[in-house]
Amino acid sequence: MKIGELSAQTGIPPRMLRYYEQQGLIAADRASNGYRSYAPDDVERAVRVRSLIQAGLSTRMARVVLDIERQCELAAPPSCSLALAEELADELVALEERLACLTKSRDAVARYLELTRHGDLVRRVDAA
């Protein structure tokens, strides 16, 4: 599929997909005319990349996480240098802090809605 098709399927603008490719997060084959050609699996990967970046990871750390996920799917145990392990541990602390902040914000919004005459909307969000 071409970049426009990938964009339509993922909701990610072509410019951002090009950036992800530039950062080594997704890869495209090139047709003889130079057009990018993406495989069906690239839809899921592009969405995963966007999710990681929206969660606050740098593109470099997103690439590391994607590599870790791939390694975890293999039968062999993954290997990791001490420097990378320390960096991942720091990133884990930062993720936990962001999760705590998001949880607090989510709970505040839910409580606020529950106190209004639109409290039934909270239940619809929970069910989704």
C-alpha atoms as a PDB file:
ATOM      1  CA  MET A   1       0.000   0.000   0.000  1.00  0.00           C
ATOM      2  CA  LYS A   2       1.117   3.560  -0.604  1.00  0.00           C
ATOM      3  CA  ILE A   3       1.705   6.153   2.108  1.00  0.00           C
ATOM      4  CA  GLY A   4      -1.722   7.742   1.540  1.00  0.00           C
ATOM      5  CA  GLU A   5      -3.418   4.403   2.110  1.00  0.00           C
ATOM      6  CA  LEU A   6      -1.407   3.787   5.271  1.00  0.00           C
ATOM      7  CA  SER A   7      -2.337   7.264   6.431  1.00  0.00           C
ATOM      8  CA  ALA A   8      -6.024   6.629   5.763  1.00  0.00           C
ATOM      9  CA  GLN A   9      -5.974   3.319   7.638  1.00  0.00           C
ATOM     10  CA  THR A  10      -4.092   4.647  10.657  1.00  0.00           C
ATOM     11  CA  GLY A  11      -5.210   8.272  10.848  1.00  0.00           C
ATOM     12  CA  ILE A  12      -1.534   9.291  10.930  1.00  0.00           C
ATOM     13  CA  PRO A  13      -0.638  12.100   8.510  1.00  0.00           C
ATOM     14  CA  PRO A  14       1.794  11.148   5.714  1.00  0.00           C
ATOM     15  CA  ARG A  15       4.298  13.690   6.990  1.00  0.00           C
ATOM     16  CA  MET A  16       4.371  11.944  10.384  1.00  0.00           C
ATOM     17  CA  LEU A  17       4.730   8.541   8.712  1.00  0.00           C
ATOM     18  CA  ARG A  18       7.725   9.878   6.790  1.00  0.00           C
ATOM     19  CA  TYR A  19       9.180  11.117  10.087  1.00  0.00           C
ATOM     20  CA  TYR A  20       8.654   7.704  11.698  1.00  0.00           C
ATOM     21  CA  GLU A  21      10.473   6.143   8.750  1.00  0.00           C
ATOM     22  CA  GLN A  22      13.288   8.688   9.022  1.00  0.00           C
ATOM     23  CA  GLN A  23      13.662   7.766  12.710  1.00  0.00           C
ATOM     24  CA  GLY A  24      13.810   4.043  11.907  1.00  0.00           C
ATOM     25  CA  LEU A  25      10.478   3.260  13.557  1.00  0.00           C
ATOM     26  CA  ILE A  26       8.768   1.961  10.423  1.00  0.00           C
ATOM     27  CA  ALA A  27      10.242   0.860   7.119  1.00  0.00           C
ATOM     28  CA  ALA A  28       8.928   0.987   3.601  1.00  0.00           C
ATOM     29  CA  ASP A  29      10.025  -0.772   0.474  1.00  0.00           C
ATOM     30  CA  ARG A  30      10.530   1.470  -2.520  1.00  0.00           C
ATOM     31  CA  ALA A  31       8.892   0.805  -5.864  1.00  0.00           C
ATOM     32  CA  SER A  32      10.857   1.413  -9.056  1.00  0.00           C
ATOM     33  CA  ASN A  33       9.207   4.840  -9.309  1.00  0.00           C
ATOM     34  CA  GLY A  34      10.449   5.739  -5.801  1.00  0.00           C
ATOM     35  CA  TYR A  35       7.049   5.509  -4.127  1.00  0.00           C
ATOM     36  CA  ARG A  36       6.942   4.013  -0.671  1.00  0.00           C
ATOM     37  CA  SER A  37       5.245   0.653  -0.382  1.00  0.00           C
ATOM     38  CA  TYR A  38       3.982  -0.563   2.981  1.00  0.00           C
ATOM     39  CA  ALA A  39       2.957  -4.059   4.033  1.00  0.00           C
ATOM     40  CA  PRO A  40      -0.297  -4.792   5.885  1.00  0.00           C
ATOM     41  CA  ASP A  41       1.709  -5.367   9.113  1.00  0.00           C
ATOM     42  CA  ASP A  42       2.908  -1.761   8.924  1.00  0.00           C
ATOM     43  CA  VAL A  43      -0.591  -0.551   9.895  1.00  0.00           C
ATOM     44  CA  GLU A  44      -0.312  -2.097  13.359  1.00  0.00           C
ATOM     45  CA  ARG A  45       3.312  -1.003  13.768  1.00  0.00           C
ATOM     46  CA  ALA A  46       2.570   2.616  12.797  1.00  0.00           C
ATOM     47  CA  VAL A  47      -0.325   2.743  15.267  1.00  0.00           C
ATOM     48  CA  ARG A  48       1.924   1.266  17.976  1.00  0.00           C
ATOM     49  CA  VAL A  49       4.617   3.861  17.229  1.00  0.00           C
ATOM     50  CA  ARG A  50       2.088   6.679  17.478  1.00  0.00           C
ATOM     51  CA  SER A  51       0.809   5.292  20.783  1.00  0.00           C
ATOM     52  CA  LEU A  52       4.290   5.121  22.261  1.00  0.00           C
ATOM     53  CA  ILE A  53       5.086   8.670  21.211  1.00  0.00           C
ATOM     54  CA  GLN A  54       1.733   9.966  22.453  1.00  0.00           C
ATOM     55  CA  ALA A  55       2.512   8.254  25.763  1.00  0.00           C
ATOM     56  CA  GLY A  56       5.532  10.520  26.040  1.00  0.00           C
ATOM     57  CA  LEU A  57       8.366   8.313  24.820  1.00  0.00           C
ATOM     58  CA  SER A  58      11.038   9.835  22.636  1.00  0.00           C
ATOM     59  CA  THR A  59      11.402   8.323  19.179  1.00  0.00           C
ATOM     60  CA  ARG A  60      14.664   6.770  20.327  1.00  0.00           C
ATOM     61  CA  MET A  61      13.018   5.159  23.350  1.00  0.00           C
ATOM     62  CA  ALA A  62      10.046   4.069  21.201  1.00  0.00           C
ATOM     63  CA  ARG A  63      12.494   2.253  18.935  1.00  0.00           C
ATOM     64  CA  VAL A  64      14.052   0.564  21.989  1.00  0.00           C
ATOM     65  CA  VAL A  65      10.617  -0.517  23.274  1.00  0.00           C
ATOM     66  CA  LEU A  66       9.644  -1.899  19.863  1.00  0.00           C
ATOM     67  CA  ASP A  67      12.899  -3.860  19.757  1.00  0.00           C
ATOM     68  CA  ILE A  68      12.257  -5.164  23.276  1.00  0.00           C
ATOM     69  CA  GLU A  69       8.738  -6.260  22.317  1.00  0.00           C
ATOM     70  CA  ARG A  70      10.138  -8.082  19.284  1.00  0.00           C
ATOM     71  CA  GLN A  71      12.808  -9.784  21.402  1.00  0.00           C
ATOM     72  CA  CYS A  72      10.198 -10.868  23.955  1.00  0.00           C
ATOM     73  CA  GLU A  73       8.289 -12.637  21.180  1.00  0.00           C
ATOM     74  CA  LEU A  74      11.354 -14.733  20.319  1.00  0.00           C
ATOM     75  CA  ALA A  75      12.159 -17.958  22.113  1.00  0.00           C
ATOM     76  CA  ALA A  76      15.641 -16.824  23.156  1.00  0.00           C
ATOM     77  CA  PRO A  77      15.946 -14.659  26.265  1.00  0.00           C
ATOM     78  CA  PRO A  78      16.730 -11.029  25.433  1.00  0.00           C
ATOM     79  CA  SER A  79      20.055  -9.480  26.340  1.00  0.00           C
ATOM     80  CA  CYS A  80      20.610  -5.976  27.617  1.00  0.00           C
ATOM     81  CA  SER A  81      23.638  -3.919  28.577  1.00  0.00           C
ATOM     82  CA  LEU A  82      23.825  -2.378  32.034  1.00  0.00           C
ATOM     83  CA  ALA A  83      23.671   1.111  30.489  1.00  0.00           C
ATOM     84  CA  LEU A  84      20.477   0.265  28.598  1.00  0.00           C
ATOM     85  CA  ALA A  85      18.978  -1.409  31.673  1.00  0.00           C
ATOM     86  CA  GLU A  86      19.629   1.738  33.728  1.00  0.00           C
ATOM     87  CA  GLU A  87      18.089   3.899  31.008  1.00  0.00           C
ATOM     88  CA  LEU A  88      15.050   1.626  30.842  1.00  0.00           C
ATOM     89  CA  ALA A  89      14.692   1.703  34.624  1.00  0.00           C
ATOM     90  CA  ASP A  90      14.698   5.514  34.511  1.00  0.00           C
ATOM     91  CA  GLU A  91      12.133   5.447  31.708  1.00  0.00           C
ATOM     92  CA  LEU A  92      10.004   3.052  33.756  1.00  0.00           C
ATOM     93  CA  VAL A  93       9.976   5.525  36.665  1.00  0.00           C
ATOM     94  CA  ALA A  94       8.972   8.332  34.283  1.00  0.00           C
ATOM     95  CA  LEU A  95       6.191   6.176  32.812  1.00  0.00           C
ATOM     96  CA  GLU A  96       4.880   5.337  36.285  1.00  0.00           C
ATOM     97  CA  GLU A  97       4.823   9.043  37.139  1.00  0.00           C
ATOM     98  CA  ARG A  98       2.932   9.865  33.923  1.00  0.00           C
ATOM     99  CA  LEU A  99       0.483   7.030  34.617  1.00  0.00           C
ATOM    100  CA  ALA A 100      -0.148   8.356  38.121  1.00  0.00           C
ATOM    101  CA  CYS A 101      -0.731  11.852  36.737  1.00  0.00           C
ATOM    102  CA  LEU A 102      -3.074  10.557  34.017  1.00  0.00           C
ATOM    103  CA  THR A 103      -4.968   8.425  36.522  1.00  0.00           C
ATOM    104  CA  LYS A 104      -5.441  11.419  38.821  1.00  0.00           C
ATOM    105  CA  SER A 105      -6.649  13.544  35.897  1.00  0.00           C
ATOM    106  CA  ARG A 106      -8.998  10.800  34.669  1.00  0.00           C
ATOM    107  CA  ASP A 107     -10.481  10.385  38.128  1.00  0.00           C
ATOM    108  CA  ALA A 108     -10.969  14.147  38.526  1.00  0.00           C
ATOM    109  CA  VAL A 109     -12.761  14.410  35.179  1.00  0.00           C
ATOM    110  CA  ALA A 110     -14.939  11.392  35.997  1.00  0.00           C
ATOM    111  CA  ARG A 111     -15.858  12.810  39.433  1.00  0.00           C
ATOM    112  CA  TYR A 112     -16.683  16.183  37.911  1.00  0.00           C
ATOM    113  CA  LEU A 113     -18.949  14.631  35.279  1.00  0.00           C
ATOM    114  CA  GLU A 114     -20.642  12.449  37.880  1.00  0.00           C
ATOM    115  CA  LEU A 115     -21.520  15.576  39.868  1.00  0.00           C
ATOM    116  CA  THR A 116     -23.142  17.235  36.855  1.00  0.00           C
ATOM    117  CA  ARG A 117     -26.385  16.355  35.169  1.00  0.00           C
ATOM    118  CA  HIS A 118     -24.256  14.567  32.540  1.00  0.00           C
ATOM    119  CA  GLY A 119     -22.959  11.878  34.872  1.00  0.00           C
ATOM    120  CA  ASP A 120     -24.411   9.150  32.654  1.00  0.00           C
ATOM    121  CA  LEU A 121     -21.664   9.941  30.139  1.00  0.00           C
ATOM    122  CA  VAL A 122     -19.058   8.528  32.511  1.00  0.00           C
ATOM    123  CA  ARG A 123     -20.643   5.113  32.361  1.00  0.00           C
ATOM    124  CA  ARG A 124     -20.641   5.148  28.555  1.00  0.00           C
ATOM    125  CA  VAL A 125     -16.930   5.972  28.546  1.00  0.00           C
ATOM    126  CA  ASP A 126     -16.237   3.143  31.013  1.00  0.00           C
ATOM    127  CA  ALA A 127     -18.177   0.685  28.837  1.00  0.00           C
ATOM    128  CA  ALA A 128     -16.243   1.596  25.688  1.00  0.00           C
END
